[in-house]
mmCIF file of all heavy atoms, coordinates in Angstrom:
data_MODEL
# 
_entry.id   MODEL 
# 
loop_
_atom_site.group_PDB 
_atom_site.id 
_atom_site.type_symbol 
_atom_site.label_atom_id 
_atom_site.label_alt_id 
_atom_site.label_comp_id 
_atom_site.label_asym_id 
_atom_site.label_entity_id 
_atom_site.label_seq_id 
_atom_site.pdbx_PDB_ins_code 
_atom_site.Cartn_x 
_atom_site.Cartn_y 
_atom_site.Cartn_z 
_atom_site.occupancy 
_atom_site.B_iso_or_equiv 
_atom_site.pdbx_formal_charge 
_atom_site.auth_seq_id 
_atom_site.auth_comp_id 
_atom_site.auth_asym_id 
_atom_site.auth_atom_id 
_atom_site.pdbx_PDB_model_num 
ATOM 1   N N   . TYR A 1 1  ? 0.855  -1.129  0.036   1.00 0.00 ? 1  TYR A N   1 
ATOM 2   C CA  . TYR A 1 1  ? 0.003  0.004   -0.038  1.00 0.00 ? 1  TYR A CA  1 
ATOM 3   C C   . TYR A 1 1  ? 0.890  1.252   -0.005  1.00 0.00 ? 1  TYR A C   1 
ATOM 4   O O   . TYR A 1 1  ? 1.848  1.374   0.781   1.00 0.00 ? 1  TYR A O   1 
ATOM 5   C CB  . TYR A 1 1  ? -0.908 0.046   1.207   1.00 0.00 ? 1  TYR A CB  1 
ATOM 6   C CG  . TYR A 1 1  ? -1.745 -1.178  1.442   1.00 0.00 ? 1  TYR A CG  1 
ATOM 7   C CD1 . TYR A 1 1  ? -1.232 -2.343  1.970   1.00 0.00 ? 1  TYR A CD1 1 
ATOM 8   C CD2 . TYR A 1 1  ? -3.000 -1.113  1.064   1.00 0.00 ? 1  TYR A CD2 1 
ATOM 9   C CE1 . TYR A 1 1  ? -1.964 -3.445  2.264   1.00 0.00 ? 1  TYR A CE1 1 
ATOM 10  C CE2 . TYR A 1 1  ? -3.881 -2.285  1.258   1.00 0.00 ? 1  TYR A CE2 1 
ATOM 11  C CZ  . TYR A 1 1  ? -3.287 -3.448  1.847   1.00 0.00 ? 1  TYR A CZ  1 
ATOM 12  O OH  . TYR A 1 1  ? -4.046 -4.578  2.046   1.00 0.00 ? 1  TYR A OH  1 
ATOM 13  N N   . ASN A 1 2  ? 0.645  2.218   -0.866  1.00 0.00 ? 2  ASN A N   1 
ATOM 14  C CA  . ASN A 1 2  ? 1.314  3.484   -0.961  1.00 0.00 ? 2  ASN A CA  1 
ATOM 15  C C   . ASN A 1 2  ? 0.363  4.471   -0.331  1.00 0.00 ? 2  ASN A C   1 
ATOM 16  O O   . ASN A 1 2  ? -0.640 4.926   -1.071  1.00 0.00 ? 2  ASN A O   1 
ATOM 17  C CB  . ASN A 1 2  ? 1.657  3.683   -2.419  1.00 0.00 ? 2  ASN A CB  1 
ATOM 18  C CG  . ASN A 1 2  ? 2.371  5.132   -2.567  1.00 0.00 ? 2  ASN A CG  1 
ATOM 19  O OD1 . ASN A 1 2  ? 2.341  5.925   -1.616  1.00 0.00 ? 2  ASN A OD1 1 
ATOM 20  N ND2 . ASN A 1 2  ? 3.265  5.171   -3.587  1.00 0.00 ? 2  ASN A ND2 1 
ATOM 21  N N   . ARG A 1 3  ? 0.722  4.963   0.832   1.00 0.00 ? 3  ARG A N   1 
ATOM 22  C CA  . ARG A 1 3  ? -0.205 5.880   1.538   1.00 0.00 ? 3  ARG A CA  1 
ATOM 23  C C   . ARG A 1 3  ? -0.237 7.185   0.919   1.00 0.00 ? 3  ARG A C   1 
ATOM 24  O O   . ARG A 1 3  ? -1.301 7.916   0.892   1.00 0.00 ? 3  ARG A O   1 
ATOM 25  C CB  . ARG A 1 3  ? 0.269  6.146   2.982   1.00 0.00 ? 3  ARG A CB  1 
ATOM 26  C CG  . ARG A 1 3  ? 0.074  4.993   3.924   1.00 0.00 ? 3  ARG A CG  1 
ATOM 27  C CD  . ARG A 1 3  ? 0.304  5.443   5.334   1.00 0.00 ? 3  ARG A CD  1 
ATOM 28  N NE  . ARG A 1 3  ? 0.318  4.376   6.257   1.00 0.00 ? 3  ARG A NE  1 
ATOM 29  C CZ  . ARG A 1 3  ? -0.798 3.802   6.815   1.00 0.00 ? 3  ARG A CZ  1 
ATOM 30  N NH1 . ARG A 1 3  ? -1.958 4.272   6.498   1.00 0.00 ? 3  ARG A NH1 1 
ATOM 31  N NH2 . ARG A 1 3  ? -0.724 2.812   7.757   1.00 0.00 ? 3  ARG A NH2 1 
ATOM 32  N N   . LYS A 1 4  ? 0.757  7.585   0.163   1.00 0.00 ? 4  LYS A N   1 
ATOM 33  C CA  . LYS A 1 4  ? 0.756  8.872   -0.597  1.00 0.00 ? 4  LYS A CA  1 
ATOM 34  C C   . LYS A 1 4  ? -0.113 8.993   -1.757  1.00 0.00 ? 4  LYS A C   1 
ATOM 35  O O   . LYS A 1 4  ? -0.857 10.017  -1.967  1.00 0.00 ? 4  LYS A O   1 
ATOM 36  C CB  . LYS A 1 4  ? 2.202  9.300   -1.003  1.00 0.00 ? 4  LYS A CB  1 
ATOM 37  C CG  . LYS A 1 4  ? 3.079  9.661   0.189   1.00 0.00 ? 4  LYS A CG  1 
ATOM 38  C CD  . LYS A 1 4  ? 4.482  10.066  -0.399  1.00 0.00 ? 4  LYS A CD  1 
ATOM 39  C CE  . LYS A 1 4  ? 5.391  10.399  0.767   1.00 0.00 ? 4  LYS A CE  1 
ATOM 40  N NZ  . LYS A 1 4  ? 6.739  10.761  0.333   1.00 0.00 ? 4  LYS A NZ  1 
ATOM 41  N N   . THR A 1 5  ? -0.211 7.932   -2.571  1.00 0.00 ? 5  THR A N   1 
ATOM 42  C CA  . THR A 1 5  ? -1.079 7.875   -3.709  1.00 0.00 ? 5  THR A CA  1 
ATOM 43  C C   . THR A 1 5  ? -2.371 7.065   -3.526  1.00 0.00 ? 5  THR A C   1 
ATOM 44  O O   . THR A 1 5  ? -3.193 7.282   -4.367  1.00 0.00 ? 5  THR A O   1 
ATOM 45  C CB  . THR A 1 5  ? -0.258 7.170   -4.898  1.00 0.00 ? 5  THR A CB  1 
ATOM 46  O OG1 . THR A 1 5  ? -0.081 5.780   -4.588  1.00 0.00 ? 5  THR A OG1 1 
ATOM 47  C CG2 . THR A 1 5  ? 1.049  7.885   -5.131  1.00 0.00 ? 5  THR A CG2 1 
ATOM 48  N N   . GLY A 1 6  ? -2.413 6.297   -2.440  1.00 0.00 ? 6  GLY A N   1 
ATOM 49  C CA  . GLY A 1 6  ? -3.603 5.483   -2.212  1.00 0.00 ? 6  GLY A CA  1 
ATOM 50  C C   . GLY A 1 6  ? -3.638 4.224   -3.118  1.00 0.00 ? 6  GLY A C   1 
ATOM 51  O O   . GLY A 1 6  ? -4.604 3.479   -3.061  1.00 0.00 ? 6  GLY A O   1 
ATOM 52  N N   . ARG A 1 7  ? -2.651 4.070   -3.863  1.00 0.00 ? 7  ARG A N   1 
ATOM 53  C CA  . ARG A 1 7  ? -2.530 2.754   -4.702  1.00 0.00 ? 7  ARG A CA  1 
ATOM 54  C C   . ARG A 1 7  ? -2.055 1.665   -3.933  1.00 0.00 ? 7  ARG A C   1 
ATOM 55  O O   . ARG A 1 7  ? -1.306 1.766   -2.977  1.00 0.00 ? 7  ARG A O   1 
ATOM 56  C CB  . ARG A 1 7  ? -1.628 3.051   -5.866  1.00 0.00 ? 7  ARG A CB  1 
ATOM 57  C CG  . ARG A 1 7  ? -2.148 4.143   -6.910  1.00 0.00 ? 7  ARG A CG  1 
ATOM 58  C CD  . ARG A 1 7  ? -1.286 4.423   -8.018  1.00 0.00 ? 7  ARG A CD  1 
ATOM 59  N NE  . ARG A 1 7  ? -0.925 3.218   -8.705  1.00 0.00 ? 7  ARG A NE  1 
ATOM 60  C CZ  . ARG A 1 7  ? 0.252  3.077   -9.327  1.00 0.00 ? 7  ARG A CZ  1 
ATOM 61  N NH1 . ARG A 1 7  ? 1.156  3.980   -9.299  1.00 0.00 ? 7  ARG A NH1 1 
ATOM 62  N NH2 . ARG A 1 7  ? 0.459  1.960   -10.040 1.00 0.00 ? 7  ARG A NH2 1 
ATOM 63  N N   . SER A 1 8  ? -2.611 0.357   -4.338  1.00 0.00 ? 8  SER A N   1 
ATOM 64  C CA  . SER A 1 8  ? -2.121 -0.810  -3.635  1.00 0.00 ? 8  SER A CA  1 
ATOM 65  C C   . SER A 1 8  ? -2.166 -1.958  -4.651  1.00 0.00 ? 8  SER A C   1 
ATOM 66  O O   . SER A 1 8  ? -2.751 -1.868  -5.702  1.00 0.00 ? 8  SER A O   1 
ATOM 67  C CB  . SER A 1 8  ? -3.045 -1.006  -2.472  1.00 0.00 ? 8  SER A CB  1 
ATOM 68  O OG  . SER A 1 8  ? -4.361 -1.388  -2.852  1.00 0.00 ? 8  SER A OG  1 
ATOM 69  N N   . VAL A 1 9  ? -1.474 -2.997  -4.317  1.00 0.00 ? 9  VAL A N   1 
ATOM 70  C CA  . VAL A 1 9  ? -1.347 -4.252  -5.115  1.00 0.00 ? 9  VAL A CA  1 
ATOM 71  C C   . VAL A 1 9  ? -1.108 -5.407  -4.238  1.00 0.00 ? 9  VAL A C   1 
ATOM 72  O O   . VAL A 1 9  ? -0.459 -5.307  -3.159  1.00 0.00 ? 9  VAL A O   1 
ATOM 73  C CB  . VAL A 1 9  ? -0.370 -4.053  -6.167  1.00 0.00 ? 9  VAL A CB  1 
ATOM 74  C CG1 . VAL A 1 9  ? 1.017  -4.027  -5.576  1.00 0.00 ? 9  VAL A CG1 1 
ATOM 75  C CG2 . VAL A 1 9  ? -0.525 -5.136  -7.210  1.00 0.00 ? 9  VAL A CG2 1 
ATOM 76  N N   . ARG A 1 10 ? -1.767 -6.467  -4.583  1.00 0.00 ? 10 ARG A N   1 
ATOM 77  C CA  . ARG A 1 10 ? -1.461 -7.882  -3.947  1.00 0.00 ? 10 ARG A CA  1 
ATOM 78  C C   . ARG A 1 10 ? -0.740 -8.698  -4.864  1.00 0.00 ? 10 ARG A C   1 
ATOM 79  O O   . ARG A 1 10 ? -1.304 -9.022  -5.928  1.00 0.00 ? 10 ARG A O   1 
ATOM 80  C CB  . ARG A 1 10 ? -2.750 -8.512  -3.381  1.00 0.00 ? 10 ARG A CB  1 
ATOM 81  C CG  . ARG A 1 10 ? -2.567 -9.784  -2.703  1.00 0.00 ? 10 ARG A CG  1 
ATOM 82  C CD  . ARG A 1 10 ? -3.834 -10.235 -2.009  1.00 0.00 ? 10 ARG A CD  1 
ATOM 83  N NE  . ARG A 1 10 ? -3.724 -11.471 -1.361  1.00 0.00 ? 10 ARG A NE  1 
ATOM 84  C CZ  . ARG A 1 10 ? -4.197 -12.642 -1.777  1.00 0.00 ? 10 ARG A CZ  1 
ATOM 85  N NH1 . ARG A 1 10 ? -4.874 -12.682 -2.876  1.00 0.00 ? 10 ARG A NH1 1 
ATOM 86  N NH2 . ARG A 1 10 ? -4.059 -13.757 -1.040  1.00 0.00 ? 10 ARG A NH2 1 
ATOM 87  N N   . LEU A 1 11 ? 0.352  -9.196  -4.540  1.00 0.00 ? 11 LEU A N   1 
ATOM 88  C CA  . LEU A 1 11 ? 1.221  -10.032 -5.319  1.00 0.00 ? 11 LEU A CA  1 
ATOM 89  C C   . LEU A 1 11 ? 1.154  -11.462 -4.859  1.00 0.00 ? 11 LEU A C   1 
ATOM 90  O O   . LEU A 1 11 ? 1.495  -11.683 -3.611  1.00 0.00 ? 11 LEU A O   1 
ATOM 91  C CB  . LEU A 1 11 ? 2.658  -9.644  -5.436  1.00 0.00 ? 11 LEU A CB  1 
ATOM 92  C CG  . LEU A 1 11 ? 2.907  -8.185  -5.867  1.00 0.00 ? 11 LEU A CG  1 
ATOM 93  C CD1 . LEU A 1 11 ? 4.370  -7.720  -5.863  1.00 0.00 ? 11 LEU A CD1 1 
ATOM 94  C CD2 . LEU A 1 11 ? 2.303  -7.981  -7.330  1.00 0.00 ? 11 LEU A CD2 1 
ATOM 95  N N   . VAL A 1 12 ? 0.657  -12.442 -5.502  1.00 0.00 ? 12 VAL A N   1 
ATOM 96  C CA  . VAL A 1 12 ? 0.586  -13.783 -5.063  1.00 0.00 ? 12 VAL A CA  1 
ATOM 97  C C   . VAL A 1 12 ? 1.411  -14.650 -5.981  1.00 0.00 ? 12 VAL A C   1 
ATOM 98  O O   . VAL A 1 12 ? 1.346  -14.715 -7.231  1.00 0.00 ? 12 VAL A O   1 
ATOM 99  C CB  . VAL A 1 12 ? -0.970 -14.331 -5.190  1.00 0.00 ? 12 VAL A CB  1 
ATOM 100 C CG1 . VAL A 1 12 ? -1.105 -15.694 -4.800  1.00 0.00 ? 12 VAL A CG1 1 
ATOM 101 C CG2 . VAL A 1 12 ? -1.855 -13.289 -4.445  1.00 0.00 ? 12 VAL A CG2 1 
ATOM 102 N N   . LEU A 1 13 ? 2.302  -15.417 -5.396  1.00 0.00 ? 13 LEU A N   1 
ATOM 103 C CA  . LEU A 1 13 ? 3.268  -16.295 -6.063  1.00 0.00 ? 13 LEU A CA  1 
ATOM 104 C C   . LEU A 1 13 ? 2.417  -17.309 -6.724  1.00 0.00 ? 13 LEU A C   1 
ATOM 105 O O   . LEU A 1 13 ? 1.547  -18.025 -6.262  1.00 0.00 ? 13 LEU A O   1 
ATOM 106 C CB  . LEU A 1 13 ? 4.159  -16.981 -4.979  1.00 0.00 ? 13 LEU A CB  1 
ATOM 107 C CG  . LEU A 1 13 ? 5.283  -17.813 -5.751  1.00 0.00 ? 13 LEU A CG  1 
ATOM 108 C CD1 . LEU A 1 13 ? 6.338  -16.892 -6.396  1.00 0.00 ? 13 LEU A CD1 1 
ATOM 109 C CD2 . LEU A 1 13 ? 5.961  -18.531 -4.516  1.00 0.00 ? 13 LEU A CD2 1 
ATOM 110 N N   . ARG A 1 14 ? 2.896  -17.532 -8.038  1.00 0.00 ? 14 ARG A N   1 
ATOM 111 C CA  . ARG A 1 14 ? 2.230  -18.589 -8.823  1.00 0.00 ? 14 ARG A CA  1 
ATOM 112 C C   . ARG A 1 14 ? 2.900  -19.914 -8.486  1.00 0.00 ? 14 ARG A C   1 
ATOM 113 O O   . ARG A 1 14 ? 3.986  -20.000 -8.156  1.00 0.00 ? 14 ARG A O   1 
ATOM 114 C CB  . ARG A 1 14 ? 2.497  -18.297 -10.278 1.00 0.00 ? 14 ARG A CB  1 
ATOM 115 C CG  . ARG A 1 14 ? 1.742  -17.073 -10.853 1.00 0.00 ? 14 ARG A CG  1 
ATOM 116 C CD  . ARG A 1 14 ? 1.910  -16.913 -12.210 1.00 0.00 ? 14 ARG A CD  1 
ATOM 117 N NE  . ARG A 1 14 ? 1.216  -15.700 -12.772 1.00 0.00 ? 14 ARG A NE  1 
ATOM 118 C CZ  . ARG A 1 14 ? 1.759  -14.838 -13.545 1.00 0.00 ? 14 ARG A CZ  1 
ATOM 119 N NH1 . ARG A 1 14 ? 2.918  -15.007 -14.042 1.00 0.00 ? 14 ARG A NH1 1 
ATOM 120 N NH2 . ARG A 1 14 ? 1.068  -13.752 -13.978 1.00 0.00 ? 14 ARG A NH2 1 
ATOM 121 N N   . PRO A 1 15 ? 2.111  -21.059 -8.551  1.00 0.00 ? 15 PRO A N   1 
ATOM 122 C CA  . PRO A 1 15 ? 2.697  -22.388 -8.329  1.00 0.00 ? 15 PRO A CA  1 
ATOM 123 C C   . PRO A 1 15 ? 3.811  -22.622 -9.324  1.00 0.00 ? 15 PRO A C   1 
ATOM 124 O O   . PRO A 1 15 ? 3.620  -22.348 -10.560 1.00 0.00 ? 15 PRO A O   1 
ATOM 125 C CB  . PRO A 1 15 ? 1.563  -23.319 -8.502  1.00 0.00 ? 15 PRO A CB  1 
ATOM 126 C CG  . PRO A 1 15 ? 0.298  -22.466 -8.638  1.00 0.00 ? 15 PRO A CG  1 
ATOM 127 C CD  . PRO A 1 15 ? 0.709  -21.128 -8.941  1.00 0.00 ? 15 PRO A CD  1 
ATOM 128 N N   . SER A 1 16 ? 4.882  -23.256 -8.928  1.00 0.00 ? 16 SER A N   1 
ATOM 129 C CA  . SER A 1 16 ? 5.904  -23.587 -9.921  1.00 0.00 ? 16 SER A CA  1 
ATOM 130 C C   . SER A 1 16 ? 5.560  -24.837 -10.639 1.00 0.00 ? 16 SER A C   1 
ATOM 131 O O   . SER A 1 16 ? 6.178  -25.154 -11.747 1.00 0.00 ? 16 SER A O   1 
ATOM 132 C CB  . SER A 1 16 ? 7.206  -23.847 -9.095  1.00 0.00 ? 16 SER A CB  1 
ATOM 133 O OG  . SER A 1 16 ? 7.165  -24.968 -8.319  1.00 0.00 ? 16 SER A OG  1 
ATOM 134 N N   . GLY A 1 17 ? 4.707  -25.635 -10.126 1.00 0.00 ? 17 GLY A N   1 
ATOM 135 C CA  . GLY A 1 17 ? 4.287  -26.869 -10.827 1.00 0.00 ? 17 GLY A CA  1 
ATOM 136 C C   . GLY A 1 17 ? 5.102  -28.077 -10.489 1.00 0.00 ? 17 GLY A C   1 
ATOM 137 O O   . GLY A 1 17 ? 4.921  -29.058 -11.121 1.00 0.00 ? 17 GLY A O   1 
ATOM 138 N N   . LYS A 1 18 ? 6.163  -27.935 -9.678  1.00 0.00 ? 18 LYS A N   1 
ATOM 139 C CA  . LYS A 1 18 ? 6.881  -29.048 -9.354  1.00 0.00 ? 18 LYS A CA  1 
ATOM 140 C C   . LYS A 1 18 ? 7.565  -28.966 -7.988  1.00 0.00 ? 18 LYS A C   1 
ATOM 141 O O   . LYS A 1 18 ? 7.690  -27.859 -7.444  1.00 0.00 ? 18 LYS A O   1 
ATOM 142 C CB  . LYS A 1 18 ? 8.071  -29.229 -10.347 1.00 0.00 ? 18 LYS A CB  1 
ATOM 143 C CG  . LYS A 1 18 ? 8.919  -28.064 -10.513 1.00 0.00 ? 18 LYS A CG  1 
ATOM 144 C CD  . LYS A 1 18 ? 9.915  -28.098 -11.584 1.00 0.00 ? 18 LYS A CD  1 
ATOM 145 C CE  . LYS A 1 18 ? 10.690 -26.892 -11.764 1.00 0.00 ? 18 LYS A CE  1 
ATOM 146 N NZ  . LYS A 1 18 ? 11.610 -26.976 -12.899 1.00 0.00 ? 18 LYS A NZ  1 
ATOM 147 N N   . GLN A 1 19 ? 7.802  -30.045 -7.327  1.00 0.00 ? 19 GLN A N   1 
ATOM 148 C CA  . GLN A 1 19 ? 8.585  -30.037 -6.068  1.00 0.00 ? 19 GLN A CA  1 
ATOM 149 C C   . GLN A 1 19 ? 9.997  -29.855 -6.341  1.00 0.00 ? 19 GLN A C   1 
ATOM 150 O O   . GLN A 1 19 ? 10.598 -30.344 -7.372  1.00 0.00 ? 19 GLN A O   1 
ATOM 151 C CB  . GLN A 1 19 ? 8.393  -31.453 -5.298  1.00 0.00 ? 19 GLN A CB  1 
ATOM 152 C CG  . GLN A 1 19 ? 6.850  -31.664 -4.896  1.00 0.00 ? 19 GLN A CG  1 
ATOM 153 C CD  . GLN A 1 19 ? 6.617  -30.840 -3.655  1.00 0.00 ? 19 GLN A CD  1 
ATOM 154 O OE1 . GLN A 1 19 ? 6.303  -29.614 -3.804  1.00 0.00 ? 19 GLN A OE1 1 
ATOM 155 N NE2 . GLN A 1 19 ? 6.690  -31.370 -2.521  1.00 0.00 ? 19 GLN A NE2 1 
ATOM 156 N N   . MET A 1 20 ? 10.699 -29.029 -5.527  1.00 0.00 ? 20 MET A N   1 
ATOM 157 C CA  . MET A 1 20 ? 12.071 -28.623 -5.816  1.00 0.00 ? 20 MET A CA  1 
ATOM 158 C C   . MET A 1 20 ? 12.798 -28.770 -4.453  1.00 0.00 ? 20 MET A C   1 
ATOM 159 O O   . MET A 1 20 ? 12.344 -28.539 -3.358  1.00 0.00 ? 20 MET A O   1 
ATOM 160 C CB  . MET A 1 20 ? 12.124 -27.235 -6.290  1.00 0.00 ? 20 MET A CB  1 
ATOM 161 C CG  . MET A 1 20 ? 11.509 -27.067 -7.516  1.00 0.00 ? 20 MET A CG  1 
ATOM 162 S SD  . MET A 1 20 ? 11.700 -25.362 -8.192  1.00 0.00 ? 20 MET A SD  1 
ATOM 163 C CE  . MET A 1 20 ? 10.345 -24.509 -7.405  1.00 0.00 ? 20 MET A CE  1 
ATOM 164 N N   . THR A 1 21 ? 14.068 -29.113 -4.548  1.00 0.00 ? 21 THR A N   1 
ATOM 165 C CA  . THR A 1 21 ? 14.964 -29.040 -3.470  1.00 0.00 ? 21 THR A CA  1 
ATOM 166 C C   . THR A 1 21 ? 15.294 -27.528 -3.130  1.00 0.00 ? 21 THR A C   1 
ATOM 167 O O   . THR A 1 21 ? 14.904 -26.591 -3.969  1.00 0.00 ? 21 THR A O   1 
ATOM 168 C CB  . THR A 1 21 ? 16.328 -29.725 -3.748  1.00 0.00 ? 21 THR A CB  1 
ATOM 169 O OG1 . THR A 1 21 ? 16.992 -29.056 -4.807  1.00 0.00 ? 21 THR A OG1 1 
ATOM 170 C CG2 . THR A 1 21 ? 16.161 -31.177 -4.168  1.00 0.00 ? 21 THR A CG2 1 
ATOM 171 N N   . ARG A 1 22 ? 15.874 -27.263 -2.129  1.00 0.00 ? 22 ARG A N   1 
ATOM 172 C CA  . ARG A 1 22 ? 16.337 -25.901 -1.717  1.00 0.00 ? 22 ARG A CA  1 
ATOM 173 C C   . ARG A 1 22 ? 17.172 -25.287 -2.881  1.00 0.00 ? 22 ARG A C   1 
ATOM 174 O O   . ARG A 1 22 ? 16.884 -24.129 -3.257  1.00 0.00 ? 22 ARG A O   1 
ATOM 175 C CB  . ARG A 1 22 ? 17.104 -25.831 -0.418  1.00 0.00 ? 22 ARG A CB  1 
ATOM 176 C CG  . ARG A 1 22 ? 16.191 -25.997 0.785   1.00 0.00 ? 22 ARG A CG  1 
ATOM 177 C CD  . ARG A 1 22 ? 17.083 -25.942 2.001   1.00 0.00 ? 22 ARG A CD  1 
ATOM 178 N NE  . ARG A 1 22 ? 17.694 -24.594 2.141   1.00 0.00 ? 22 ARG A NE  1 
ATOM 179 C CZ  . ARG A 1 22 ? 17.491 -23.689 3.134   1.00 0.00 ? 22 ARG A CZ  1 
ATOM 180 N NH1 . ARG A 1 22 ? 16.642 -24.059 4.020   1.00 0.00 ? 22 ARG A NH1 1 
ATOM 181 N NH2 . ARG A 1 22 ? 18.112 -22.592 3.098   1.00 0.00 ? 22 ARG A NH2 1 
ATOM 182 N N   . GLU A 1 23 ? 18.148 -26.070 -3.388  1.00 0.00 ? 23 GLU A N   1 
ATOM 183 C CA  . GLU A 1 23 ? 18.974 -25.541 -4.305  1.00 0.00 ? 23 GLU A CA  1 
ATOM 184 C C   . GLU A 1 23 ? 18.164 -25.275 -5.710  1.00 0.00 ? 23 GLU A C   1 
ATOM 185 O O   . GLU A 1 23 ? 18.361 -24.350 -6.411  1.00 0.00 ? 23 GLU A O   1 
ATOM 186 C CB  . GLU A 1 23 ? 20.110 -26.446 -4.647  1.00 0.00 ? 23 GLU A CB  1 
ATOM 187 C CG  . GLU A 1 23 ? 21.029 -26.699 -3.470  1.00 0.00 ? 23 GLU A CG  1 
ATOM 188 C CD  . GLU A 1 23 ? 20.585 -27.542 -2.395  1.00 0.00 ? 23 GLU A CD  1 
ATOM 189 O OE1 . GLU A 1 23 ? 19.663 -28.359 -2.583  1.00 0.00 ? 23 GLU A OE1 1 
ATOM 190 O OE2 . GLU A 1 23 ? 21.143 -27.384 -1.229  1.00 0.00 ? 23 GLU A OE2 1 
ATOM 191 N N   . GLU A 1 24 ? 17.425 -26.246 -6.101  1.00 0.00 ? 24 GLU A N   1 
ATOM 192 C CA  . GLU A 1 24 ? 16.532 -26.059 -7.321  1.00 0.00 ? 24 GLU A CA  1 
ATOM 193 C C   . GLU A 1 24 ? 15.579 -24.818 -7.178  1.00 0.00 ? 24 GLU A C   1 
ATOM 194 O O   . GLU A 1 24 ? 15.469 -24.084 -8.043  1.00 0.00 ? 24 GLU A O   1 
ATOM 195 C CB  . GLU A 1 24 ? 15.744 -27.266 -7.557  1.00 0.00 ? 24 GLU A CB  1 
ATOM 196 C CG  . GLU A 1 24 ? 16.489 -28.518 -7.945  1.00 0.00 ? 24 GLU A CG  1 
ATOM 197 C CD  . GLU A 1 24 ? 15.818 -29.758 -7.962  1.00 0.00 ? 24 GLU A CD  1 
ATOM 198 O OE1 . GLU A 1 24 ? 14.706 -29.929 -7.217  1.00 0.00 ? 24 GLU A OE1 1 
ATOM 199 O OE2 . GLU A 1 24 ? 16.000 -30.737 -8.816  1.00 0.00 ? 24 GLU A OE2 1 
ATOM 200 N N   . SER A 1 25 ? 15.021 -24.676 -5.957  1.00 0.00 ? 25 SER A N   1 
ATOM 201 C CA  . SER A 1 25 ? 14.110 -23.529 -5.742  1.00 0.00 ? 25 SER A CA  1 
ATOM 202 C C   . SER A 1 25 ? 14.899 -22.206 -5.853  1.00 0.00 ? 25 SER A C   1 
ATOM 203 O O   . SER A 1 25 ? 14.361 -21.294 -6.584  1.00 0.00 ? 25 SER A O   1 
ATOM 204 C CB  . SER A 1 25 ? 13.571 -23.660 -4.341  1.00 0.00 ? 25 SER A CB  1 
ATOM 205 O OG  . SER A 1 25 ? 12.880 -22.472 -3.942  1.00 0.00 ? 25 SER A OG  1 
ATOM 206 N N   . PHE A 1 26 ? 16.011 -22.213 -5.292  1.00 0.00 ? 26 PHE A N   1 
ATOM 207 C CA  . PHE A 1 26 ? 16.815 -20.878 -5.390  1.00 0.00 ? 26 PHE A CA  1 
ATOM 208 C C   . PHE A 1 26 ? 17.137 -20.622 -6.901  1.00 0.00 ? 26 PHE A C   1 
ATOM 209 O O   . PHE A 1 26 ? 16.962 -19.519 -7.422  1.00 0.00 ? 26 PHE A O   1 
ATOM 210 C CB  . PHE A 1 26 ? 18.185 -21.054 -4.633  1.00 0.00 ? 26 PHE A CB  1 
ATOM 211 C CG  . PHE A 1 26 ? 19.039 -19.833 -4.751  1.00 0.00 ? 26 PHE A CG  1 
ATOM 212 C CD1 . PHE A 1 26 ? 18.707 -18.644 -4.218  1.00 0.00 ? 26 PHE A CD1 1 
ATOM 213 C CD2 . PHE A 1 26 ? 20.270 -19.936 -5.412  1.00 0.00 ? 26 PHE A CD2 1 
ATOM 214 C CE1 . PHE A 1 26 ? 19.498 -17.534 -4.373  1.00 0.00 ? 26 PHE A CE1 1 
ATOM 215 C CE2 . PHE A 1 26 ? 21.082 -18.832 -5.606  1.00 0.00 ? 26 PHE A CE2 1 
ATOM 216 C CZ  . PHE A 1 26 ? 20.797 -17.679 -5.038  1.00 0.00 ? 26 PHE A CZ  1 
ATOM 217 N N   . ALA A 1 27 ? 17.659 -21.566 -7.616  1.00 0.00 ? 27 ALA A N   1 
ATOM 218 C CA  . ALA A 1 27 ? 17.998 -21.382 -9.061  1.00 0.00 ? 27 ALA A CA  1 
ATOM 219 C C   . ALA A 1 27 ? 16.722 -21.029 -9.838  1.00 0.00 ? 27 ALA A C   1 
ATOM 220 O O   . ALA A 1 27 ? 16.825 -20.190 -10.728 1.00 0.00 ? 27 ALA A O   1 
ATOM 221 C CB  . ALA A 1 27 ? 18.630 -22.671 -9.593  1.00 0.00 ? 27 ALA A CB  1 
# 
């Protein structure tokens, strides 16, 4: 939320579609 402009946005992570290890997730 930007209090100065009144604008806001909600960002929702899209599913990756696969299970990943920590290293795979980072990459």
